[in-house]
Amino acid sequence: MDKRRSLKISSQMQKELSKILAEDINDPRLSENVIVSITEVEVTNDLSFADIYVSVLGDESKKESVIEAFEDAKGFIKRLIGERMRLRSMPKFRFKYDNSIERGVYMDKLIAETIAKDEKNAGNRED
């Protein structure tokens, strides 16, 4: 299959999964005291697998329970994706934890701390 087609399918699947997460899934593990987002979907060229990267802002136990919730809802999600995207063959979903947003928040914090220290040191030199 053409790489462009699998990229289009990946993009569309990410949009649909985000809608499903926001509107159709009522699992408390995905909504209580945790922020969940679908950061990326990678569909293989032969449409056999879809790696779904899930970002979770919450403690470690929440992260594990979110992946479990997605695994438990896999059949429901596949059915909804099938109805909305009308693919001839539905890829097998593999949910994976993505910590890129968490890493970005941490890097922003470090940058802000460094800027504050630099400004403080610059103020001390002027005195």
Protein backbone atom coordinates (compact mmCIF):
# COMPACT_ATOMS: atom_id res chain seq x y z
CA MET A 1 0.00 0.00 0.00
CA ASP A 2 1.07 3.55 -0.63
CA LYS A 3 2.75 5.25 2.34
CA ARG A 4 0.63 8.38 1.78
CA ARG A 5 -2.55 6.35 2.16
CA SER A 6 -1.41 4.84 5.46
CA LEU A 7 -0.48 8.34 6.69
CA LYS A 8 -3.96 9.61 5.75
CA ILE A 9 -5.59 6.69 7.52
CA SER A 10 -3.39 7.29 10.58
CA SER A 11 -4.36 10.95 10.70
CA GLN A 12 -8.07 10.25 10.27
CA MET A 13 -7.94 7.47 12.85
CA GLN A 14 -6.32 9.82 15.38
CA LYS A 15 -9.13 12.35 14.87
CA GLU A 16 -11.80 9.68 15.25
CA LEU A 17 -10.14 8.18 18.33
CA SER A 18 -9.98 11.62 19.94
CA LYS A 19 -13.70 12.12 19.25
CA ILE A 20 -14.49 8.68 20.64
CA LEU A 21 -12.45 9.42 23.77
CA ALA A 22 -14.25 12.73 24.29
CA GLU A 23 -17.80 11.72 23.39
CA ASP A 24 -18.40 7.96 23.46
CA ILE A 25 -16.33 6.28 26.17
CA ASN A 26 -17.76 6.61 29.66
CA ASP A 27 -15.07 4.72 31.58
CA PRO A 28 -14.21 6.56 34.82
CA ARG A 29 -10.55 5.51 34.42
CA LEU A 30 -10.41 7.83 31.41
CA SER A 31 -12.09 10.84 32.97
CA GLU A 32 -11.54 11.09 36.73
CA ASN A 33 -8.56 13.20 37.88
CA VAL A 34 -6.59 12.50 34.71
CA ILE A 35 -6.02 14.20 31.38
CA VAL A 36 -5.85 11.76 28.46
CA SER A 37 -5.07 12.51 24.83
CA ILE A 38 -4.27 10.57 21.68
CA THR A 39 -0.91 12.00 20.58
CA GLU A 40 -0.27 9.88 17.50
CA VAL A 41 -1.50 6.90 15.50
CA GLU A 42 0.82 4.92 13.25
CA VAL A 43 -0.83 2.47 10.89
CA THR A 44 1.38 -0.06 9.14
CA ASN A 45 1.40 0.00 5.33
CA ASP A 46 -0.51 -3.28 5.12
CA LEU A 47 -3.10 -2.04 7.66
CA SER A 48 -2.44 -4.99 9.94
CA PHE A 49 -1.54 -2.93 13.03
CA ALA A 50 -2.30 0.52 14.42
CA ASP A 51 0.00 1.75 17.17
CA ILE A 52 -1.99 4.25 19.22
CA TYR A 53 0.09 6.53 21.44
CA VAL A 54 -1.74 7.76 24.52
CA SER A 55 -0.53 10.61 26.70
CA VAL A 56 -1.65 10.71 30.32
CA LEU A 57 -1.15 13.52 32.82
CA GLY A 58 -1.61 11.96 36.24
CA ASP A 59 0.18 9.71 38.69
CA GLU A 60 1.72 6.35 37.76
CA SER A 61 -1.29 4.26 38.79
CA LYS A 62 -3.55 6.42 36.60
CA LYS A 63 -1.28 5.82 33.61
CA GLU A 64 -1.55 2.06 33.99
CA SER A 65 -5.32 2.17 34.48
CA VAL A 66 -5.78 4.34 31.37
CA ILE A 67 -3.99 1.81 29.17
CA GLU A 68 -6.06 -0.97 30.78
CA ALA A 69 -9.25 0.99 30.08
CA PHE A 70 -8.32 1.34 26.42
CA GLU A 71 -7.52 -2.38 26.22
CA ASP A 72 -10.89 -3.19 27.80
CA ALA A 73 -12.72 -0.90 25.34
CA LYS A 74 -10.76 -2.12 22.30
CA GLY A 75 -13.71 -3.98 20.74
CA PHE A 76 -16.07 -1.05 21.21
CA ILE A 77 -13.51 1.37 19.76
CA LYS A 78 -12.87 -0.91 16.75
CA ARG A 79 -16.59 -1.09 16.02
CA LEU A 80 -16.97 2.70 16.12
CA ILE A 81 -13.87 3.25 13.97
CA GLY A 82 -15.17 0.67 11.50
CA GLU A 83 -18.50 2.47 11.22
CA ARG A 84 -16.92 5.91 10.82
CA MET A 85 -14.00 5.11 8.52
CA ARG A 86 -15.36 2.19 6.48
CA LEU A 87 -12.06 0.36 6.06
CA ARG A 88 -12.00 -3.00 4.29
CA SER A 89 -9.75 -4.47 6.96
CA MET A 90 -9.49 -3.14 10.48
CA PRO A 91 -5.99 -3.03 11.93
CA LYS A 92 -5.20 -4.64 15.27
CA PHE A 93 -4.92 -1.89 17.89
CA ARG A 94 -1.84 -1.66 20.10
CA PHE A 95 -2.12 1.00 22.81
CA LYS A 96 1.16 2.48 23.98
CA TYR A 97 1.98 5.06 26.62
CA ASP A 98 3.53 8.29 25.29
CA ASN A 99 5.34 10.51 27.76
CA SER A 100 6.30 13.29 25.31
CA ILE A 101 3.85 15.86 26.74
CA GLU A 102 4.99 15.09 30.27
CA ARG A 103 8.60 15.47 29.15
CA GLY A 104 7.75 18.81 27.49
CA VAL A 105 6.14 20.12 30.69
CA TYR A 106 9.25 19.10 32.63
CA MET A 107 11.53 20.83 30.10
CA ASP A 108 9.42 24.02 30.27
CA LYS A 109 9.77 23.95 34.05
CA LEU A 110 13.56 23.60 33.80
CA ILE A 111 13.77 26.46 31.30
CA ALA A 112 11.64 28.71 33.49
CA GLU A 113 13.81 27.91 36.53
CA THR A 114 16.99 28.66 34.56
CA ILE A 115 15.62 31.99 33.30
CA ALA A 116 14.59 32.96 36.84
CA LYS A 117 18.09 32.11 38.16
CA ASP A 118 19.74 34.09 35.36
CA GLU A 119 17.54 37.12 36.04
CA LYS A 120 18.30 36.88 39.76
CA ASN A 121 22.06 36.63 39.09
CA ALA A 122 21.90 39.55 36.65
CA GLY A 123 20.08 41.63 39.29
CA ASN A 124 22.76 40.76 41.89
CA ARG A 125 25.56 41.86 39.54
CA GLU A 126 23.94 45.26 38.97
CA ASP A 127 23.86 46.00 42.71
